[in-house]
Amino acid sequence: MMERATIFRALSGEAALVGGAMALAAGWISEPKNGWAWGSVWLSGLGVALIFGVWQLFRSAAANQKAVWSHGLKVALRGALPSLIVGGFLGLLYLKYGMQGSEKTAASVWILHYGLALLAIREFAPKSMAWLGIAFILTGIASFSAMTFVQAATPILNKLGASGLMAATFGGFHLFYGAAIVTTTRSDRTGE
């Protein structure tokens, strides 16, 4: 069990670094875009991060001589996919049929549901992943609140924009998480 946790930490740390870098790139590229054009940049970044994650799963399975489609992976997907599918669908729905500026709503939906997906797998993931999920949920709630209830925070959200919000969370949170996980995992392996 400890070995699986260490491998999971290493895989999630590396994937978080790549995902964070892709999110920062997507934030920069998507800044001047709106609607579907904005969403397609983010979906492309997600595609690259997913390809890297799948490649990592195959690489790790081959190195450890284990099946890729393990019981743990099935349980993780059963836990995370409902939130990811619903959040993805709602975000795309806002981009397609939303009003002007629906990118912020789509970003908030994606951030919130991603946090829920991370918390759904917290029972067999590192504790740090639960904290990452909580950070996403709190940010999603805060951004929704800024759009609807807290008028004082609206200028901050407007200045940050949808691309900035996505880059700060999917980029910044993942880079911070990935750096922390990769460095602590390497320290654990070397016995420092």
Protein backbone atom coordinates (compact mmCIF):
# COMPACT_ATOMS: atom_id res chain seq x y z
CA MET A 1 0.00 0.00 0.00
CA MET A 2 2.86 2.39 0.84
CA GLU A 3 4.53 1.55 -2.49
CA ARG A 4 1.32 2.33 -4.40
CA ALA A 5 0.99 5.65 -2.56
CA THR A 6 4.59 6.60 -3.46
CA ILE A 7 4.05 5.68 -7.13
CA PHE A 8 0.73 7.58 -7.15
CA ARG A 9 2.44 10.64 -5.65
CA ALA A 10 5.21 10.55 -8.25
CA LEU A 11 2.77 10.16 -11.14
CA SER A 12 0.43 12.86 -9.86
CA GLY A 13 3.32 15.26 -9.24
CA GLU A 14 4.75 14.91 -12.74
CA ALA A 15 1.29 15.10 -14.32
CA ALA A 16 0.51 18.21 -12.25
CA LEU A 17 3.68 19.91 -13.51
CA VAL A 18 2.84 19.18 -17.15
CA GLY A 19 -0.82 20.11 -16.62
CA GLY A 20 0.17 23.33 -14.88
CA ALA A 21 2.53 24.29 -17.70
CA MET A 22 -0.17 23.54 -20.28
CA ALA A 23 -2.66 25.67 -18.32
CA LEU A 24 -0.28 28.63 -18.24
CA ALA A 25 0.24 28.29 -22.00
CA ALA A 26 -3.51 27.99 -22.57
CA GLY A 27 -4.12 31.06 -20.39
CA TRP A 28 -1.72 33.10 -22.50
CA ILE A 29 -3.07 31.81 -25.84
CA SER A 30 -6.76 32.09 -24.87
CA GLU A 31 -6.60 35.61 -23.42
CA PRO A 32 -7.85 37.46 -26.52
CA LYS A 33 -10.43 34.79 -27.46
CA ASN A 34 -14.12 34.38 -26.59
CA GLY A 35 -16.73 31.62 -26.59
CA TRP A 36 -15.89 28.41 -28.45
CA ALA A 37 -12.50 29.75 -29.55
CA TRP A 38 -11.60 30.33 -25.88
CA GLY A 39 -12.90 26.91 -24.86
CA SER A 40 -11.10 25.11 -27.68
CA VAL A 41 -7.74 26.42 -26.44
CA TRP A 42 -8.45 25.02 -22.98
CA LEU A 43 -9.71 21.71 -24.37
CA SER A 44 -6.52 21.42 -26.43
CA GLY A 45 -4.42 21.97 -23.29
CA LEU A 46 -6.50 19.37 -21.49
CA GLY A 47 -5.91 16.95 -24.36
CA VAL A 48 -2.14 17.34 -24.13
CA ALA A 49 -2.22 16.87 -20.34
CA LEU A 50 -4.40 13.76 -20.71
CA ILE A 51 -2.09 12.26 -23.33
CA PHE A 52 0.84 12.78 -20.97
CA GLY A 53 -1.10 11.21 -18.08
CA VAL A 54 -2.04 8.15 -20.13
CA TRP A 55 1.55 7.80 -21.36
CA GLN A 56 2.69 7.95 -17.72
CA LEU A 57 0.23 5.23 -16.72
CA PHE A 58 1.53 2.92 -19.45
CA ARG A 59 5.15 3.75 -18.61
CA SER A 60 4.61 3.09 -14.90
CA ALA A 61 2.69 -0.13 -15.55
CA ALA A 62 5.47 -1.42 -17.81
CA ALA A 63 8.20 -0.48 -15.32
CA ASN A 64 6.37 -2.17 -12.44
CA GLN A 65 5.12 -5.09 -14.58
CA LYS A 66 1.51 -4.39 -13.62
CA ALA A 67 -1.71 -4.05 -15.58
CA VAL A 68 -2.67 -0.53 -16.67
CA TRP A 69 -6.37 -1.13 -16.16
CA SER A 70 -6.06 -1.91 -12.45
CA HIS A 71 -8.77 -2.04 -9.81
CA GLY A 72 -7.47 1.23 -8.32
CA LEU A 73 -7.72 3.01 -11.68
CA LYS A 74 -11.28 1.75 -12.17
CA VAL A 75 -12.29 2.98 -8.71
CA ALA A 76 -10.63 6.36 -9.29
CA LEU A 77 -12.42 6.80 -12.60
CA ARG A 78 -15.77 5.81 -11.08
CA GLY A 79 -15.24 8.42 -8.39
CA ALA A 80 -13.91 11.28 -10.49
CA LEU A 81 -15.70 10.95 -13.84
CA PRO A 82 -19.21 12.04 -12.75
CA SER A 83 -17.96 15.45 -11.57
CA LEU A 84 -15.64 15.84 -14.54
CA ILE A 85 -18.33 14.95 -17.08
CA VAL A 86 -21.02 17.14 -15.52
CA GLY A 87 -18.64 20.08 -15.04
CA GLY A 88 -17.26 19.74 -18.55
CA PHE A 89 -20.75 19.57 -20.04
CA LEU A 90 -22.05 22.57 -18.07
CA GLY A 91 -18.99 24.65 -18.92
CA LEU A 92 -19.36 23.90 -22.62
CA LEU A 93 -23.08 24.62 -22.39
CA TYR A 94 -22.33 28.08 -20.97
CA LEU A 95 -19.84 28.72 -23.75
CA LYS A 96 -22.35 27.69 -26.42
CA TYR A 97 -25.52 29.33 -25.08
CA GLY A 98 -24.31 31.72 -22.41
CA MET A 99 -24.41 35.46 -22.52
CA GLN A 100 -21.51 37.79 -23.18
CA GLY A 101 -18.65 36.92 -20.83
CA SER A 102 -19.80 33.33 -20.27
CA GLU A 103 -16.14 32.28 -20.18
CA LYS A 104 -15.94 33.28 -16.48
CA THR A 105 -18.94 31.12 -15.67
CA ALA A 106 -17.52 28.19 -17.63
CA ALA A 107 -14.16 28.62 -15.88
CA SER A 108 -15.85 28.71 -12.46
CA VAL A 109 -17.87 25.58 -13.26
CA TRP A 110 -14.76 23.72 -14.44
CA ILE A 111 -12.75 24.79 -11.38
CA LEU A 112 -15.50 23.80 -8.95
CA HIS A 113 -16.20 20.41 -10.54
CA TYR A 114 -12.51 19.56 -10.84
CA GLY A 115 -12.19 20.17 -7.10
CA LEU A 116 -15.16 17.87 -6.49
CA ALA A 117 -13.53 15.17 -8.66
CA LEU A 118 -10.31 15.39 -6.66
CA LEU A 119 -12.21 15.05 -3.39
CA ALA A 120 -14.08 12.05 -4.80
CA ILE A 121 -10.81 10.08 -4.99
CA ARG A 122 -9.35 11.29 -1.70
CA GLU A 123 -9.73 7.92 0.03
CA PHE A 124 -6.88 6.36 -1.94
CA ALA A 125 -4.93 9.42 -3.06
CA PRO A 126 -2.30 11.33 -1.12
CA LYS A 127 -3.70 13.70 1.49
CA SER A 128 -2.18 16.58 -0.47
CA MET A 129 -4.58 15.84 -3.33
CA ALA A 130 -7.53 16.44 -1.01
CA TRP A 131 -6.04 19.82 -0.13
CA LEU A 132 -5.69 20.58 -3.82
CA GLY A 133 -9.35 19.67 -4.30
CA ILE A 134 -10.37 21.97 -1.45
CA ALA A 135 -8.36 24.82 -3.00
CA PHE A 136 -10.19 24.33 -6.31
CA ILE A 137 -13.60 24.18 -4.61
CA LEU A 138 -12.97 27.32 -2.55
CA THR A 139 -11.74 29.19 -5.61
CA GLY A 140 -14.75 28.04 -7.64
CA ILE A 141 -17.14 29.18 -4.91
CA ALA A 142 -15.28 32.48 -4.55
CA SER A 143 -15.43 33.16 -8.28
CA PHE A 144 -19.16 32.38 -8.44
CA SER A 145 -19.70 34.61 -5.41
CA ALA A 146 -17.73 37.42 -7.03
CA MET A 147 -19.86 37.15 -10.16
CA THR A 148 -23.19 37.16 -8.32
CA PHE A 149 -23.10 38.36 -4.72
CA VAL A 150 -19.88 40.10 -3.73
CA GLN A 151 -19.75 43.26 -5.79
CA ALA A 152 -16.47 44.37 -4.15
CA ALA A 153 -14.66 41.33 -5.61
CA THR A 154 -16.09 41.78 -9.12
CA PRO A 155 -13.36 44.23 -10.27
CA ILE A 156 -10.68 41.73 -9.22
CA LEU A 157 -12.38 38.95 -11.19
CA ASN A 158 -12.87 41.26 -14.18
CA LYS A 159 -9.18 42.22 -14.14
CA LEU A 160 -8.12 38.59 -13.82
CA GLY A 161 -10.56 37.41 -16.50
CA ALA A 162 -11.52 33.86 -17.34
CA SER A 163 -8.10 33.02 -18.79
CA GLY A 164 -6.33 34.42 -15.73
CA LEU A 165 -8.64 32.52 -13.38
CA MET A 166 -8.01 29.26 -15.22
CA ALA A 167 -4.25 29.90 -15.40
CA ALA A 168 -4.09 30.73 -11.69
CA THR A 169 -5.92 27.55 -10.66
CA PHE A 170 -5.17 24.89 -13.24
CA GLY A 171 -1.74 26.42 -13.85
CA GLY A 172 -0.59 27.88 -10.54
CA PHE A 173 -2.20 25.35 -8.20
CA HIS A 174 -0.91 22.42 -10.26
CA LEU A 175 2.61 23.80 -10.54
CA PHE A 176 2.75 24.40 -6.79
CA TYR A 177 1.29 20.96 -6.05
CA GLY A 178 3.50 19.21 -8.61
CA ALA A 179 6.68 20.86 -7.36
CA ALA A 180 5.84 19.96 -3.76
CA ILE A 181 5.01 16.34 -4.62
CA VAL A 182 7.97 15.73 -6.93
CA THR A 183 10.50 17.19 -4.49
CA THR A 184 9.12 15.35 -1.45
CA THR A 185 8.82 12.08 -3.40
CA ARG A 186 12.45 12.35 -4.52
CA SER A 187 13.50 13.13 -0.94
CA ASP A 188 11.59 10.06 0.28
CA ARG A 189 13.33 7.86 -2.31
CA THR A 190 16.82 9.10 -1.47
CA GLY A 191 16.20 8.98 2.27
CA GLU A 192 16.85 12.67 2.86
